[in-house]
Amino acid sequence: MPARTERYRFVPFEIEDVNAIPRRLLGGCADVTRGGGMMFERVVFLGPDGRTRAELHLKNGHVRKLEQFGFASRIDPLGET
């Protein structure tokens, strides 16, 4: 199965990454890549010009948990929330 990339909007929050190191999630839009045999979820925060601001590797399922608790929301591909 190929990896899928979805766009999310995050609220600033502190979470542990794959290596159990506390990291601060930036606020704003990020591309989340999961699946395709990856052992983690890759979160890439984008700047206003489309450049990468930060990249995090989170455990599988953590982005969905953040979505359940209101710290992340998926953005529709057409630009609607």
C-alpha atoms as a PDB file:
ATOM      1  CA  MET A   1       0.000   0.000   0.000  1.00  0.00           C
ATOM      2  CA  PRO A   2       1.499   3.383  -0.946  1.00  0.00           C
ATOM      3  CA  ALA A   3       1.940   6.120   1.632  1.00  0.00           C
ATOM      4  CA  ARG A   4      -0.813   8.755   1.862  1.00  0.00           C
ATOM      5  CA  THR A   5      -0.300  12.425   2.586  1.00  0.00           C
ATOM      6  CA  GLU A   6      -3.044  14.533   4.156  1.00  0.00           C
ATOM      7  CA  ARG A   7      -3.005  18.174   5.222  1.00  0.00           C
ATOM      8  CA  TYR A   8      -3.831  19.077   8.836  1.00  0.00           C
ATOM      9  CA  ARG A   9      -4.067  22.301  10.822  1.00  0.00           C
ATOM     10  CA  PHE A  10      -2.447  22.041  14.266  1.00  0.00           C
ATOM     11  CA  VAL A  11      -2.694  24.042  17.479  1.00  0.00           C
ATOM     12  CA  PRO A  12       0.638  24.504  19.341  1.00  0.00           C
ATOM     13  CA  PHE A  13       1.045  21.526  21.679  1.00  0.00           C
ATOM     14  CA  GLU A  14       3.869  19.546  23.308  1.00  0.00           C
ATOM     15  CA  ILE A  15       4.076  15.829  22.476  1.00  0.00           C
ATOM     16  CA  GLU A  16       6.682  13.038  22.493  1.00  0.00           C
ATOM     17  CA  ASP A  17       8.110  11.953  19.155  1.00  0.00           C
ATOM     18  CA  VAL A  18       9.116   8.408  18.120  1.00  0.00           C
ATOM     19  CA  ASN A  19      12.307   8.580  20.189  1.00  0.00           C
ATOM     20  CA  ALA A  20      10.394   9.672  23.335  1.00  0.00           C
ATOM     21  CA  ILE A  21      11.828  13.179  23.111  1.00  0.00           C
ATOM     22  CA  PRO A  22       9.376  15.951  24.039  1.00  0.00           C
ATOM     23  CA  ARG A  23       8.779  18.174  21.022  1.00  0.00           C
ATOM     24  CA  ARG A  24       6.634  21.235  20.499  1.00  0.00           C
ATOM     25  CA  LEU A  25       4.125  21.016  17.661  1.00  0.00           C
ATOM     26  CA  LEU A  26       4.051  24.277  15.777  1.00  0.00           C
ATOM     27  CA  GLY A  27       0.750  25.946  15.047  1.00  0.00           C
ATOM     28  CA  GLY A  28      -0.403  26.038  11.452  1.00  0.00           C
ATOM     29  CA  CYS A  29      -0.638  23.741   8.453  1.00  0.00           C
ATOM     30  CA  ALA A  30       1.328  20.524   8.074  1.00  0.00           C
ATOM     31  CA  ASP A  31       1.456  17.584   5.698  1.00  0.00           C
ATOM     32  CA  VAL A  32       1.047  14.241   7.492  1.00  0.00           C
ATOM     33  CA  THR A  33       2.337  11.131   5.692  1.00  0.00           C
ATOM     34  CA  ARG A  34       1.322   7.692   6.945  1.00  0.00           C
ATOM     35  CA  GLY A  35       1.175   4.140   5.633  1.00  0.00           C
ATOM     36  CA  GLY A  36       3.323   2.558   2.954  1.00  0.00           C
ATOM     37  CA  GLY A  37       5.286   0.476   5.462  1.00  0.00           C
ATOM     38  CA  MET A  38       6.348   3.497   7.527  1.00  0.00           C
ATOM     39  CA  MET A  39       6.839   2.776  11.218  1.00  0.00           C
ATOM     40  CA  PHE A  40       5.800   6.306  12.169  1.00  0.00           C
ATOM     41  CA  GLU A  41       3.770   9.288  10.968  1.00  0.00           C
ATOM     42  CA  ARG A  42       5.849  12.022   9.321  1.00  0.00           C
ATOM     43  CA  VAL A  43       4.605  15.549  10.087  1.00  0.00           C
ATOM     44  CA  VAL A  44       6.080  18.358   7.970  1.00  0.00           C
ATOM     45  CA  PHE A  45       5.111  21.927   8.923  1.00  0.00           C
ATOM     46  CA  LEU A  46       5.001  24.307   5.980  1.00  0.00           C
ATOM     47  CA  GLY A  47       5.790  28.013   5.914  1.00  0.00           C
ATOM     48  CA  PRO A  48       3.834  30.622   3.973  1.00  0.00           C
ATOM     49  CA  ASP A  49       6.041  30.144   0.912  1.00  0.00           C
ATOM     50  CA  GLY A  50       5.664  26.327   0.944  1.00  0.00           C
ATOM     51  CA  ARG A  51       9.082  25.683   2.483  1.00  0.00           C
ATOM     52  CA  THR A  52       9.562  23.189   5.295  1.00  0.00           C
ATOM     53  CA  ARG A  53       9.602  24.864   8.741  1.00  0.00           C
ATOM     54  CA  ALA A  54       9.941  21.715  10.838  1.00  0.00           C
ATOM     55  CA  GLU A  55       9.679  17.948  10.492  1.00  0.00           C
ATOM     56  CA  LEU A  56       8.595  15.539  13.243  1.00  0.00           C
ATOM     57  CA  HIS A  57       8.163  11.784  13.384  1.00  0.00           C
ATOM     58  CA  LEU A  58       5.269  10.739  15.641  1.00  0.00           C
ATOM     59  CA  LYS A  59       4.089   7.294  16.644  1.00  0.00           C
ATOM     60  CA  ASN A  60       1.349   5.768  14.517  1.00  0.00           C
ATOM     61  CA  GLY A  61      -2.086   6.984  15.582  1.00  0.00           C
ATOM     62  CA  HIS A  62      -0.954  10.083  17.471  1.00  0.00           C
ATOM     63  CA  VAL A  63      -2.215  12.537  14.852  1.00  0.00           C
ATOM     64  CA  ARG A  64      -5.646  10.872  14.964  1.00  0.00           C
ATOM     65  CA  LYS A  65      -5.653  11.172  18.771  1.00  0.00           C
ATOM     66  CA  LEU A  66      -4.759  14.858  18.498  1.00  0.00           C
ATOM     67  CA  GLU A  67      -7.661  15.200  16.056  1.00  0.00           C
ATOM     68  CA  GLN A  68     -10.049  13.548  18.539  1.00  0.00           C
ATOM     69  CA  PHE A  69      -9.042  15.957  21.313  1.00  0.00           C
ATOM     70  CA  GLY A  70      -9.232  19.081  19.132  1.00  0.00           C
ATOM     71  CA  PHE A  71      -5.509  19.837  18.728  1.00  0.00           C
ATOM     72  CA  ALA A  72      -5.564  18.986  15.003  1.00  0.00           C
ATOM     73  CA  SER A  73      -8.140  19.198  12.236  1.00  0.00           C
ATOM     74  CA  ARG A  74      -7.934  17.781   8.739  1.00  0.00           C
ATOM     75  CA  ILE A  75      -8.116  20.300   5.917  1.00  0.00           C
ATOM     76  CA  ASP A  76     -10.182  19.439   2.872  1.00  0.00           C
ATOM     77  CA  PRO A  77      -8.051  19.177  -0.298  1.00  0.00           C
ATOM     78  CA  LEU A  78     -10.194  21.895  -1.901  1.00  0.00           C
ATOM     79  CA  GLY A  79      -9.224  24.360   0.818  1.00  0.00           C
ATOM     80  CA  GLU A  80     -12.411  24.057   2.871  1.00  0.00           C
ATOM     81  CA  THR A  81     -12.239  23.040   6.531  1.00  0.00           C
END
